[in-house]
Every structure is written in C-alpha cells, then in structure tokens.
Amino acid sequence: MKCRISLALFFAFTVAATASVDSCLAVLRPNLTIGEKDLLDVSERWSNMRRIEDAERETFLRNAGYADSTGSIPSKIRVDEIAGCNIGRESDTLEIRLFRVLGIEGTKDENVYVVTTSRQNIIARSLIASLQATCESTFLRACTMEDDGSIRVGQLRHDFDCEKDEFLRTEPLPGLTIRVRDDGSISETVEGE
C-alpha cells in the first residue's frame, strides 16, 4: 500500500512539474516562432527587450562560448532578454528565458537562445535561432514550437562567390528537436539520429 501511495505521489509531482514547464512554454510560444525576417530586424519583432548587463551578461556569454582565447569577452557583444517566465518549485524557482545575442562576427550575427536558470545560475542553454552572414556564406537557424512543447529547429547554409558576387548553392543541414525538461535541463536531438 505504501508503495502505491509513493508511486501516486511521485506521478502527481511529475505531472505537476510537467504542467508547469508546459504552461511556461505556452506563455513563451508567441516568441518561439523565429524566422529569417525576425532575425533581420530584431528590434521590430521584439521592441520590449531588456538589456542584460554586468555579471549576468558575462556569465551567460562565458557559458555560451563567447570568451576569446585569453578569456576576454568583447564589450561590443550585446545580450538582451526577449521574454521569460518563472516556474515556482518547492526548493527554488526555475526560469525559462529567451536571450538574444548580437555578436560581432561577419556582416550579421544575430542569435537567440532558450536558457534555463535557477537562483541566477544557468542550468542549460540551446541556440534555437541564428543568422550569421559573411561574404562567403549565410547560416540560418530558424525555429517553431510544436504542439507537444518541443522546439523544432531547421537550419541551412547559403554559399556565395564573393569575387563574382553570385549565389552558388543552398545546403540544407540536419534539423533539431529541442525539449526543456522538468529539471531545467535541455535535450537536443538531431534529425535522423
């Protein structure tokens, strides 16, 4: 009997936690369909972004791999919070947040991450949208949220001949399915694996 009660309580808490993550993602859903147009004019799509600065900026950029070989982070890299929501739990609060990073590489370097945090510590992050352009190529990663709460990511690369100023080819790249788990971890599954 005790085993059944324990199992029932475990199941109830698991369902409650899942509903919380699902409801948080539902709040973020309007911001989780991101295409090339959105990345070309980020300030038009998200006019109420909050600038991330100081220690929080540095912590995130280090975690996301933006530090150079000397450990420095270029001051021109900008981080903004697009949106976020909190999930109250017994011991602490889990946050699911969307961060935009305006990088400094090439002619265009826009990136959007889904980030989970707890007590101001980063639990996990995943790059869900990106537009990185140089003379030789353009890399595009776009996403949409599926009905099951997963984030579907498609990606491709356009190649160009800079000297002739002409388009060469489009290279489709494997897509990803991204899931935010109840504990704040994020799983990424590559299509076809």
N, C-alpha and C. Protein backbone atom coordinates (compact mmCIF):
# COMPACT_ATOMS: atom_id res chain seq x y z
N MET A 1 0.82 -1.19 0.00
CA MET A 1 0.00 0.00 0.00
C MET A 1 0.86 1.26 0.00
N LYS A 2 1.94 1.25 0.84
CA LYS A 2 2.83 2.42 0.90
C LYS A 2 3.48 2.65 -0.46
N CYS A 3 3.80 1.55 -1.14
CA CYS A 3 4.42 1.65 -2.46
C CYS A 3 3.49 2.35 -3.45
N ARG A 4 2.18 2.00 -3.41
CA ARG A 4 1.21 2.62 -4.31
C ARG A 4 1.06 4.11 -4.02
N ILE A 5 1.03 4.47 -2.74
CA ILE A 5 0.91 5.88 -2.36
C ILE A 5 2.14 6.64 -2.81
N SER A 6 3.32 6.07 -2.58
CA SER A 6 4.56 6.73 -3.01
C SER A 6 4.58 6.91 -4.52
N LEU A 7 4.19 5.87 -5.23
CA LEU A 7 4.16 5.93 -6.69
C LEU A 7 3.14 6.97 -7.16
N ALA A 8 1.99 7.02 -6.52
CA ALA A 8 0.97 8.00 -6.88
C ALA A 8 1.46 9.42 -6.62
N LEU A 9 2.13 9.63 -5.48
CA LEU A 9 2.67 10.96 -5.17
C LEU A 9 3.76 11.34 -6.17
N PHE A 10 4.64 10.40 -6.49
CA PHE A 10 5.69 10.67 -7.48
C PHE A 10 5.07 11.07 -8.81
N PHE A 11 4.05 10.32 -9.24
CA PHE A 11 3.38 10.62 -10.50
C PHE A 11 2.71 11.99 -10.45
N ALA A 12 2.05 12.31 -9.34
CA ALA A 12 1.38 13.60 -9.20
C ALA A 12 2.37 14.75 -9.28
N PHE A 13 3.51 14.63 -8.60
CA PHE A 13 4.52 15.69 -8.64
C PHE A 13 5.14 15.80 -10.03
N THR A 14 5.33 14.67 -10.70
CA THR A 14 5.89 14.69 -12.05
C THR A 14 4.93 15.39 -13.00
N VAL A 15 3.64 15.06 -12.92
CA VAL A 15 2.64 15.69 -13.77
C VAL A 15 2.56 17.18 -13.48
N ALA A 16 2.60 17.57 -12.20
CA ALA A 16 2.54 18.98 -11.83
C ALA A 16 3.74 19.73 -12.38
N ALA A 17 4.93 19.13 -12.28
CA ALA A 17 6.13 19.79 -12.79
C ALA A 17 6.06 19.93 -14.31
N THR A 18 5.58 18.88 -14.98
CA THR A 18 5.46 18.92 -16.43
C THR A 18 4.47 19.99 -16.84
N ALA A 19 3.34 20.06 -16.16
CA ALA A 19 2.35 21.08 -16.48
C ALA A 19 2.95 22.47 -16.31
N SER A 20 3.79 22.65 -15.31
CA SER A 20 4.42 23.95 -15.09
C SER A 20 5.36 24.31 -16.23
N VAL A 21 6.20 23.37 -16.65
CA VAL A 21 7.10 23.63 -17.77
C VAL A 21 6.27 23.87 -19.03
N ASP A 22 5.25 23.05 -19.24
CA ASP A 22 4.39 23.22 -20.41
C ASP A 22 3.69 24.58 -20.40
N SER A 23 3.17 24.98 -19.24
CA SER A 23 2.47 26.27 -19.18
C SER A 23 3.43 27.43 -19.38
N CYS A 24 4.65 27.30 -18.88
CA CYS A 24 5.66 28.33 -19.09
C CYS A 24 6.00 28.43 -20.58
N LEU A 25 6.19 27.30 -21.23
CA LEU A 25 6.48 27.30 -22.66
C LEU A 25 5.31 27.86 -23.46
N ALA A 26 4.08 27.60 -22.99
CA ALA A 26 2.90 28.16 -23.66
C ALA A 26 2.91 29.68 -23.60
N VAL A 27 3.36 30.23 -22.47
CA VAL A 27 3.49 31.69 -22.34
C VAL A 27 4.53 32.22 -23.33
N LEU A 28 5.60 31.47 -23.52
CA LEU A 28 6.68 31.89 -24.42
C LEU A 28 6.40 31.60 -25.89
N ARG A 29 5.38 30.80 -26.16
CA ARG A 29 5.11 30.33 -27.53
C ARG A 29 5.07 31.44 -28.58
N PRO A 30 4.44 32.59 -28.33
CA PRO A 30 4.44 33.64 -29.37
C PRO A 30 5.85 34.09 -29.78
N ASN A 31 6.81 33.89 -28.91
CA ASN A 31 8.19 34.28 -29.19
C ASN A 31 9.03 33.13 -29.73
N LEU A 32 8.45 31.95 -29.85
CA LEU A 32 9.22 30.77 -30.24
C LEU A 32 9.02 30.35 -31.69
N THR A 33 8.44 31.22 -32.50
CA THR A 33 8.45 31.04 -33.94
C THR A 33 9.34 32.15 -34.47
N ILE A 34 10.53 31.77 -34.88
CA ILE A 34 11.55 32.75 -35.28
C ILE A 34 12.07 32.37 -36.66
N GLY A 35 11.93 33.28 -37.60
CA GLY A 35 12.41 33.06 -38.95
C GLY A 35 13.44 34.10 -39.36
N GLU A 36 13.84 34.03 -40.61
CA GLU A 36 14.89 34.93 -41.12
C GLU A 36 14.49 36.40 -40.99
N LYS A 37 13.24 36.71 -41.31
CA LYS A 37 12.77 38.10 -41.23
C LYS A 37 12.91 38.65 -39.81
N ASP A 38 12.59 37.82 -38.82
CA ASP A 38 12.70 38.25 -37.42
C ASP A 38 14.15 38.57 -37.06
N LEU A 39 15.07 37.77 -37.58
CA LEU A 39 16.48 37.95 -37.26
C LEU A 39 17.11 39.10 -38.04
N LEU A 40 16.49 39.47 -39.16
CA LEU A 40 16.98 40.63 -39.92
C LEU A 40 16.62 41.94 -39.22
N ASP A 41 15.48 41.96 -38.53
CA ASP A 41 15.07 43.18 -37.82
C ASP A 41 14.54 42.82 -36.44
N VAL A 42 15.45 42.47 -35.56
CA VAL A 42 15.11 42.00 -34.21
C VAL A 42 14.33 43.06 -33.43
N SER A 43 14.74 44.32 -33.50
CA SER A 43 14.08 45.36 -32.70
C SER A 43 12.64 45.61 -33.15
N GLU A 44 12.32 45.30 -34.40
CA GLU A 44 10.94 45.42 -34.85
C GLU A 44 10.09 44.28 -34.30
N ARG A 45 10.64 43.08 -34.29
CA ARG A 45 9.90 41.91 -33.78
C ARG A 45 9.72 41.97 -32.27
N TRP A 46 10.78 42.34 -31.56
CA TRP A 46 10.74 42.39 -30.10
C TRP A 46 11.16 43.78 -29.64
N SER A 47 10.20 44.66 -29.48
CA SER A 47 10.52 46.05 -29.14
C SER A 47 10.74 46.27 -27.64
N ASN A 48 10.37 45.32 -26.80
CA ASN A 48 10.48 45.50 -25.35
C ASN A 48 11.55 44.62 -24.71
N MET A 49 12.65 44.40 -25.40
CA MET A 49 13.72 43.58 -24.83
C MET A 49 14.37 44.31 -23.65
N ARG A 50 14.85 43.51 -22.70
CA ARG A 50 15.56 44.06 -21.54
C ARG A 50 17.04 43.75 -21.67
N ARG A 51 17.87 44.78 -21.59
CA ARG A 51 19.32 44.61 -21.72
C ARG A 51 19.86 43.82 -20.54
N ILE A 52 20.70 42.84 -20.82
CA ILE A 52 21.39 42.05 -19.79
C ILE A 52 22.80 42.63 -19.69
N GLU A 53 23.21 43.01 -18.49
CA GLU A 53 24.50 43.68 -18.32
C GLU A 53 25.30 43.08 -17.18
N ASP A 54 26.51 43.56 -17.06
CA ASP A 54 27.42 43.28 -15.95
C ASP A 54 27.66 41.78 -15.76
N ALA A 55 27.56 41.32 -14.51
CA ALA A 55 27.92 39.93 -14.18
C ALA A 55 27.01 38.93 -14.89
N GLU A 56 25.72 39.23 -14.98
CA GLU A 56 24.80 38.31 -15.65
C GLU A 56 25.17 38.16 -17.13
N ARG A 57 25.51 39.26 -17.79
CA ARG A 57 25.94 39.23 -19.19
C ARG A 57 27.20 38.38 -19.33
N GLU A 58 28.18 38.65 -18.49
CA GLU A 58 29.46 37.94 -18.59
C GLU A 58 29.28 36.45 -18.33
N THR A 59 28.48 36.10 -17.32
CA THR A 59 28.24 34.69 -17.00
C THR A 59 27.61 33.97 -18.19
N PHE A 60 26.58 34.60 -18.78
CA PHE A 60 25.92 33.94 -19.91
C PHE A 60 26.86 33.80 -21.10
N LEU A 61 27.57 34.87 -21.44
CA LEU A 61 28.45 34.82 -22.62
C LEU A 61 29.58 33.81 -22.44
N ARG A 62 30.11 33.69 -21.23
CA ARG A 62 31.13 32.66 -20.98
C ARG A 62 30.53 31.27 -21.17
N ASN A 63 29.34 31.07 -20.60
CA ASN A 63 28.66 29.78 -20.70
C ASN A 63 28.36 29.43 -22.16
N ALA A 64 28.05 30.43 -22.97
CA ALA A 64 27.69 30.20 -24.37
C ALA A 64 28.90 30.18 -25.30
N GLY A 65 30.11 30.35 -24.75
CA GLY A 65 31.32 30.22 -25.55
C GLY A 65 31.78 31.48 -26.27
N TYR A 66 31.40 32.64 -25.78
CA TYR A 66 31.78 33.89 -26.44
C TYR A 66 33.10 34.47 -25.96
N ALA A 67 33.73 33.87 -24.96
CA ALA A 67 35.03 34.37 -24.50
C ALA A 67 36.10 33.98 -25.52
N ASP A 68 37.07 34.88 -25.74
CA ASP A 68 38.14 34.57 -26.68
C ASP A 68 39.22 33.73 -26.00
N SER A 69 40.29 33.46 -26.70
CA SER A 69 41.34 32.56 -26.18
C SER A 69 42.02 33.10 -24.93
N THR A 70 41.92 34.40 -24.69
CA THR A 70 42.51 34.98 -23.48
C THR A 70 41.51 35.06 -22.33
N GLY A 71 40.27 34.64 -22.59
CA GLY A 71 39.23 34.70 -21.57
C GLY A 71 38.44 35.99 -21.58
N SER A 72 38.78 36.89 -22.49
CA SER A 72 38.08 38.17 -22.59
C SER A 72 36.79 38.04 -23.40
N ILE A 73 35.83 38.87 -23.05
CA ILE A 73 34.58 38.94 -23.80
C ILE A 73 34.49 40.33 -24.41
N PRO A 74 34.43 40.42 -25.74
CA PRO A 74 34.35 41.74 -26.37
C PRO A 74 33.17 42.56 -25.86
N SER A 75 33.42 43.80 -25.54
CA SER A 75 32.37 44.66 -24.97
C SER A 75 31.27 44.98 -25.98
N LYS A 76 31.53 44.81 -27.26
CA LYS A 76 30.53 45.12 -28.29
C LYS A 76 29.44 44.05 -28.40
N ILE A 77 29.65 42.89 -27.82
CA ILE A 77 28.63 41.84 -27.87
C ILE A 77 27.51 42.23 -26.91
N ARG A 78 26.30 42.26 -27.45
CA ARG A 78 25.14 42.72 -26.68
C ARG A 78 24.23 41.53 -26.35
N VAL A 79 23.70 41.53 -25.14
CA VAL A 79 22.77 40.48 -24.72
C VAL A 79 21.48 41.15 -24.24
N ASP A 80 20.34 40.67 -24.73
CA ASP A 80 19.03 41.16 -24.32
C ASP A 80 18.15 39.98 -23.95
N GLU A 81 17.25 40.20 -23.01
CA GLU A 81 16.24 39.19 -22.70
C GLU A 81 14.99 39.54 -23.49
N ILE A 82 14.56 38.61 -24.34
CA ILE A 82 13.36 38.79 -25.15
C ILE A 82 12.11 38.57 -24.30
N ALA A 83 12.10 37.48 -23.57
CA ALA A 83 10.94 37.10 -22.75
C ALA A 83 11.39 36.05 -21.75
N GLY A 84 10.56 35.81 -20.75
CA GLY A 84 10.87 34.79 -19.76
C GLY A 84 9.66 34.48 -18.90
N CYS A 85 9.72 33.38 -18.20
CA CYS A 85 8.67 33.05 -17.24
C CYS A 85 9.27 32.21 -16.12
N ASN A 86 8.63 32.26 -14.96
CA ASN A 86 9.09 31.55 -13.77
C ASN A 86 8.19 30.38 -13.46
N ILE A 87 8.81 29.32 -12.97
CA ILE A 87 8.07 28.15 -12.50
C ILE A 87 8.44 27.97 -11.05
N GLY A 88 7.50 28.19 -10.15
CA GLY A 88 7.77 28.01 -8.73
C GLY A 88 7.85 26.54 -8.38
N ARG A 89 8.91 26.18 -7.64
CA ARG A 89 9.08 24.81 -7.16
C ARG A 89 9.33 24.89 -5.67
N GLU A 90 9.27 23.77 -5.00
CA GLU A 90 9.46 23.75 -3.55
C GLU A 90 10.77 24.40 -3.12
N SER A 91 11.87 23.96 -3.68
CA SER A 91 13.17 24.40 -3.20
C SER A 91 13.62 25.72 -3.83
N ASP A 92 13.22 25.98 -5.04
CA ASP A 92 13.65 27.20 -5.71
C ASP A 92 12.77 27.46 -6.92
N THR A 93 13.10 28.47 -7.69
CA THR A 93 12.34 28.82 -8.88
C THR A 93 13.15 28.51 -10.12
N LEU A 94 12.52 27.85 -11.06
CA LEU A 94 13.13 27.59 -12.36
C LEU A 94 12.63 28.68 -13.30
N GLU A 95 13.54 29.25 -14.07
CA GLU A 95 13.17 30.25 -15.06
C GLU A 95 13.50 29.72 -16.44
N ILE A 96 12.60 29.95 -17.38
CA ILE A 96 12.87 29.69 -18.79
C ILE A 96 12.89 31.05 -19.46
N ARG A 97 14.01 31.36 -20.10
CA ARG A 97 14.21 32.69 -20.66
C ARG A 97 14.69 32.59 -22.10
N LEU A 98 14.37 33.61 -22.89
CA LEU A 98 14.87 33.71 -24.25
C LEU A 98 15.84 34.88 -24.31
N PHE A 99 17.08 34.60 -24.66
CA PHE A 99 18.13 35.62 -24.76
C PHE A 99 18.49 35.85 -26.22
N ARG A 100 18.66 37.09 -26.57
CA ARG A 100 19.17 37.47 -27.89
C ARG A 100 20.61 37.93 -27.70
N VAL A 101 21.50 37.44 -28.56
CA VAL A 101 22.89 37.87 -28.54
C VAL A 101 23.20 38.49 -29.90
N LEU A 102 23.59 39.76 -29.87
CA LEU A 102 24.05 40.44 -31.07
C LEU A 102 25.56 40.35 -31.06
N GLY A 103 26.07 39.46 -31.89
CA GLY A 103 27.51 39.22 -31.94
C GLY A 103 28.24 40.21 -32.83
N ILE A 104 29.51 39.94 -33.06
CA ILE A 104 30.34 40.88 -33.81
C ILE A 104 31.02 40.23 -35.01
N GLU A 105 30.62 39.02 -35.36
CA GLU A 105 31.24 38.31 -36.48
C GLU A 105 30.52 38.62 -37.78
N GLY A 106 31.25 38.80 -38.87
CA GLY A 106 30.67 38.97 -40.19
C GLY A 106 29.84 40.23 -40.32
N THR A 107 28.94 40.22 -41.32
CA THR A 107 28.09 41.38 -41.57
C THR A 107 26.79 41.32 -40.79
N LYS A 108 26.42 40.15 -40.30
CA LYS A 108 25.23 39.97 -39.48
C LYS A 108 25.50 38.82 -38.53
N ASP A 109 25.16 39.00 -37.25
CA ASP A 109 25.42 37.97 -36.24
C ASP A 109 24.36 38.06 -35.16
N GLU A 110 23.18 37.52 -35.45
CA GLU A 110 22.04 37.52 -34.52
C GLU A 110 21.80 36.10 -34.05
N ASN A 111 21.61 35.93 -32.74
CA ASN A 111 21.42 34.61 -32.16
C ASN A 111 20.37 34.67 -31.06
N VAL A 112 19.53 33.64 -30.98
CA VAL A 112 18.52 33.54 -29.92
C VAL A 112 18.70 32.20 -29.23
N TYR A 113 18.78 32.26 -27.91
CA TYR A 113 18.96 31.07 -27.07
C TYR A 113 17.75 30.88 -26.16
N VAL A 114 17.37 29.63 -25.93
CA VAL A 114 16.49 29.32 -24.82
C VAL A 114 17.42 28.94 -23.67
N VAL A 115 17.17 29.55 -22.49
CA VAL A 115 18.07 29.41 -21.35
C VAL A 115 17.23 29.06 -20.12
N THR A 116 17.69 28.08 -19.35
CA THR A 116 17.04 27.79 -18.08
C THR A 116 17.99 28.19 -16.96
N THR A 117 17.42 28.84 -15.95
CA THR A 117 18.21 29.30 -14.81
C THR A 117 17.48 28.98 -13.51
N SER A 118 18.25 28.90 -12.45
CA SER A 118 17.71 28.73 -11.10
C SER A 118 18.65 29.44 -10.14
N ARG A 119 18.08 30.29 -9.32
CA ARG A 119 18.88 31.08 -8.37
C ARG A 119 20.02 31.82 -9.09
N GLN A 120 19.72 32.38 -10.22
CA GLN A 120 20.66 33.15 -11.03
C GLN A 120 21.81 32.31 -11.60
N ASN A 121 21.69 31.00 -11.54
CA ASN A 121 22.69 30.11 -12.13
C ASN A 121 22.12 29.49 -13.40
N ILE A 122 22.94 29.42 -14.43
CA ILE A 122 22.50 28.81 -15.68
C ILE A 122 22.50 27.30 -15.53
N ILE A 123 21.36 26.69 -15.82
CA ILE A 123 21.26 25.23 -15.82
C ILE A 123 21.62 24.71 -17.21
N ALA A 124 20.99 25.28 -18.23
CA ALA A 124 21.22 24.82 -19.60
C ALA A 124 20.87 25.94 -20.58
N ARG A 125 21.36 25.78 -21.81
CA ARG A 125 21.03 26.73 -22.87
C ARG A 125 21.12 26.01 -24.20
N SER A 126 20.37 26.51 -25.17
CA SER A 126 20.41 25.94 -26.51
C SER A 126 20.16 27.05 -27.53
N LEU A 127 20.96 27.06 -28.57
CA LEU A 127 20.80 28.03 -29.65
C LEU A 127 19.62 27.59 -30.52
N ILE A 128 18.54 28.38 -30.53
CA ILE A 128 17.34 27.97 -31.27
C ILE A 128 17.15 28.75 -32.57
N ALA A 129 17.81 29.90 -32.70
CA ALA A 129 17.70 30.68 -33.94
C ALA A 129 18.98 31.46 -34.14
N SER A 130 19.38 31.60 -35.41
CA SER A 130 20.63 32.29 -35.69
C SER A 130 20.65 32.76 -37.14
N LEU A 131 21.23 33.92 -37.35
CA LEU A 131 21.51 34.41 -38.70
C LEU A 131 22.92 34.97 -38.67
N GLN A 132 23.82 34.27 -39.34
CA GLN A 132 25.22 34.67 -39.38
C GLN A 132 25.62 34.80 -40.84
N ALA A 133 25.99 36.02 -41.23
CA ALA A 133 26.29 36.29 -42.63
C ALA A 133 27.69 36.84 -42.81
N THR A 134 28.37 36.33 -43.83
CA THR A 134 29.65 36.85 -44.30
C THR A 134 29.54 36.95 -45.82
N CYS A 135 30.59 37.40 -46.45
CA CYS A 135 30.60 37.48 -47.91
C CYS A 135 30.46 36.08 -48.54
N GLU A 136 31.07 35.07 -47.90
CA GLU A 136 31.10 33.72 -48.47
C GLU A 136 29.85 32.89 -48.20
N SER A 137 29.17 33.14 -47.08
CA SER A 137 28.02 32.28 -46.75
C SER A 137 27.09 32.96 -45.75
N THR A 138 25.89 32.42 -45.71
CA THR A 138 24.89 32.82 -44.71
C THR A 138 24.38 31.55 -44.05
N PHE A 139 24.45 31.51 -42.71
CA PHE A 139 23.92 30.38 -41.94
C PHE A 139 22.62 30.84 -41.31
N LEU A 140 21.56 30.06 -41.49
CA LEU A 140 20.26 30.38 -40.90
C LEU A 140 19.78 29.20 -40.08
N ARG A 141 19.40 29.50 -38.85
CA ARG A 141 18.74 28.52 -37.98
C ARG A 141 17.44 29.18 -37.55
N ALA A 142 16.32 28.54 -37.83
CA ALA A 142 15.00 29.08 -37.50
C ALA A 142 14.24 28.04 -36.69
N CYS A 143 13.22 28.49 -35.95
CA CYS A 143 12.52 27.53 -35.09
C CYS A 143 11.04 27.83 -34.99
N THR A 144 10.33 26.82 -34.53
CA THR A 144 8.92 26.95 -34.20
C THR A 144 8.62 25.99 -33.05
N MET A 145 7.61 26.33 -32.25
CA MET A 145 7.23 25.45 -31.15
C MET A 145 6.13 24.51 -31.63
N GLU A 146 6.29 23.24 -31.36
CA GLU A 146 5.32 22.22 -31.74
C GLU A 146 4.24 22.08 -30.66
N ASP A 147 3.13 21.43 -31.01
CA ASP A 147 2.04 21.25 -30.05
C ASP A 147 2.44 20.41 -28.84
N ASP A 148 3.46 19.55 -28.98
CA ASP A 148 3.89 18.72 -27.85
C ASP A 148 4.86 19.45 -26.92
N GLY A 149 5.11 20.75 -27.17
CA GLY A 149 6.00 21.52 -26.30
C GLY A 149 7.45 21.51 -26.73
N SER A 150 7.78 20.74 -27.75
CA SER A 150 9.16 20.73 -28.24
C SER A 150 9.38 21.92 -29.18
N ILE A 151 10.64 22.27 -29.35
CA ILE A 151 11.01 23.34 -30.26
C ILE A 151 11.68 22.69 -31.47
N ARG A 152 11.09 22.88 -32.63
CA ARG A 152 11.61 22.29 -33.87
C ARG A 152 12.51 23.32 -34.54
N VAL A 153 13.74 22.93 -34.82
CA VAL A 153 14.74 23.83 -35.40
C VAL A 153 15.15 23.32 -36.77
N GLY A 154 15.07 24.19 -37.77
CA GLY A 154 15.57 23.88 -39.10
C GLY A 154 16.78 24.76 -39.38
N GLN A 155 17.69 24.27 -40.20
CA GLN A 155 18.88 25.07 -40.49
C GLN A 155 19.39 24.81 -41.90
N LEU A 156 20.02 25.84 -42.46
CA LEU A 156 20.59 25.73 -43.80
C LEU A 156 21.73 26.74 -43.95
N ARG A 157 22.48 26.54 -45.03
CA ARG A 157 23.57 27.45 -45.34
C ARG A 157 23.49 27.82 -46.82
N HIS A 158 23.57 29.13 -47.11
CA HIS A 158 23.67 29.62 -48.49
C HIS A 158 25.14 29.94 -48.74
N ASP A 159 25.69 29.46 -49.86
CA ASP A 159 27.08 29.75 -50.23
C ASP A 159 27.10 30.72 -51.40
N PHE A 160 28.08 31.64 -51.36
CA PHE A 160 28.23 32.67 -52.39
C PHE A 160 29.67 32.71 -52.89
N ASP A 161 29.85 33.22 -54.10
CA ASP A 161 31.18 33.53 -54.64
C ASP A 161 31.34 35.04 -54.50
N CYS A 162 32.21 35.46 -53.58
CA CYS A 162 32.39 36.89 -53.30
C CYS A 162 32.96 37.64 -54.49
N GLU A 163 33.92 37.05 -55.16
CA GLU A 163 34.58 37.74 -56.28
C GLU A 163 33.62 37.99 -57.43
N LYS A 164 32.76 37.01 -57.72
CA LYS A 164 31.81 37.15 -58.82
C LYS A 164 30.48 37.73 -58.34
N ASP A 165 30.32 37.85 -57.02
CA ASP A 165 29.08 38.35 -56.42
C ASP A 165 27.87 37.55 -56.92
N GLU A 166 27.98 36.22 -56.78
CA GLU A 166 26.87 35.38 -57.21
C GLU A 166 26.59 34.26 -56.21
N PHE A 167 25.33 33.84 -56.23
CA PHE A 167 24.87 32.75 -55.39
C PHE A 167 25.36 31.43 -55.96
N LEU A 168 25.86 30.53 -55.11
CA LEU A 168 26.34 29.22 -55.56
C LEU A 168 25.35 28.10 -55.26
N ARG A 169 24.93 27.98 -54.00
CA ARG A 169 24.07 26.86 -53.64
C ARG A 169 23.48 27.06 -52.23
N THR A 170 22.44 26.29 -51.98
CA THR A 170 21.86 26.20 -50.64
C THR A 170 22.09 24.79 -50.13
N GLU A 171 22.63 24.70 -48.95
CA GLU A 171 22.94 23.40 -48.33
C GLU A 171 22.02 23.20 -47.12
N PRO A 172 20.98 22.34 -47.25
CA PRO A 172 20.15 22.04 -46.07
C PRO A 172 20.99 21.28 -45.05
N LEU A 173 20.82 21.61 -43.80
CA LEU A 173 21.55 20.96 -42.71
C LEU A 173 20.56 20.21 -41.83
N PRO A 174 21.00 19.18 -41.10
CA PRO A 174 20.08 18.42 -40.26
C PRO A 174 19.37 19.32 -39.25
N GLY A 175 18.09 19.05 -39.06
CA GLY A 175 17.30 19.79 -38.08
C GLY A 175 17.48 19.23 -36.68
N LEU A 176 16.90 19.92 -35.72
CA LEU A 176 16.98 19.51 -34.31
C LEU A 176 15.60 19.54 -33.68
N THR A 177 15.42 18.73 -32.67
CA THR A 177 14.26 18.83 -31.79
C THR A 177 14.80 19.12 -30.40
N ILE A 178 14.33 20.21 -29.82
CA ILE A 178 14.82 20.66 -28.52
C ILE A 178 13.68 20.56 -27.52
N ARG A 179 13.99 20.00 -26.35
CA ARG A 179 12.99 19.87 -25.28
C ARG A 179 13.56 20.40 -23.98
N VAL A 180 12.74 21.19 -23.29
CA VAL A 180 13.09 21.65 -21.95
C VAL A 180 12.48 20.65 -20.98
N ARG A 181 13.31 20.08 -20.13
CA ARG A 181 12.85 19.07 -19.17
C ARG A 181 12.44 19.72 -17.85
N ASP A 182 11.75 18.95 -17.04
CA ASP A 182 11.24 19.44 -15.76
C ASP A 182 12.33 19.94 -14.83
N ASP A 183 13.52 19.36 -14.90
CA ASP A 183 14.61 19.76 -14.01
C ASP A 183 15.40 20.95 -14.56
N GLY A 184 14.99 21.48 -15.71
CA GLY A 184 15.68 22.62 -16.31
C GLY A 184 16.72 22.23 -17.33
N SER A 185 17.02 20.95 -17.44
CA SER A 185 17.98 20.53 -18.47
C SER A 185 17.29 20.64 -19.84
N ILE A 186 18.09 20.70 -20.87
CA ILE A 186 17.57 20.82 -22.23
C ILE A 186 18.18 19.71 -23.07
N SER A 187 17.32 18.97 -23.77
CA SER A 187 17.83 17.93 -24.66
C SER A 187 17.75 18.41 -26.11
N GLU A 188 18.74 18.03 -26.89
CA GLU A 188 18.78 18.34 -28.32
C GLU A 188 18.93 17.02 -29.07
N THR A 189 18.00 16.74 -29.97
CA THR A 189 18.06 15.53 -30.78
C THR A 189 18.20 15.94 -32.24
N VAL A 190 19.25 15.45 -32.88
CA VAL A 190 19.48 15.76 -34.29
C VAL A 190 18.59 14.85 -35.14
N GLU A 191 17.93 15.43 -36.15
CA GLU A 191 17.08 14.63 -37.04
C GLU A 191 17.87 13.48 -37.65
N GLY A 192 17.25 12.32 -37.68
CA GLY A 192 17.88 11.16 -38.28
C GLY A 192 18.74 10.35 -37.33
N GLU A 193 18.87 10.78 -36.09
CA GLU A 193 19.68 10.02 -35.11
C GLU A 193 18.79 9.24 -34.18
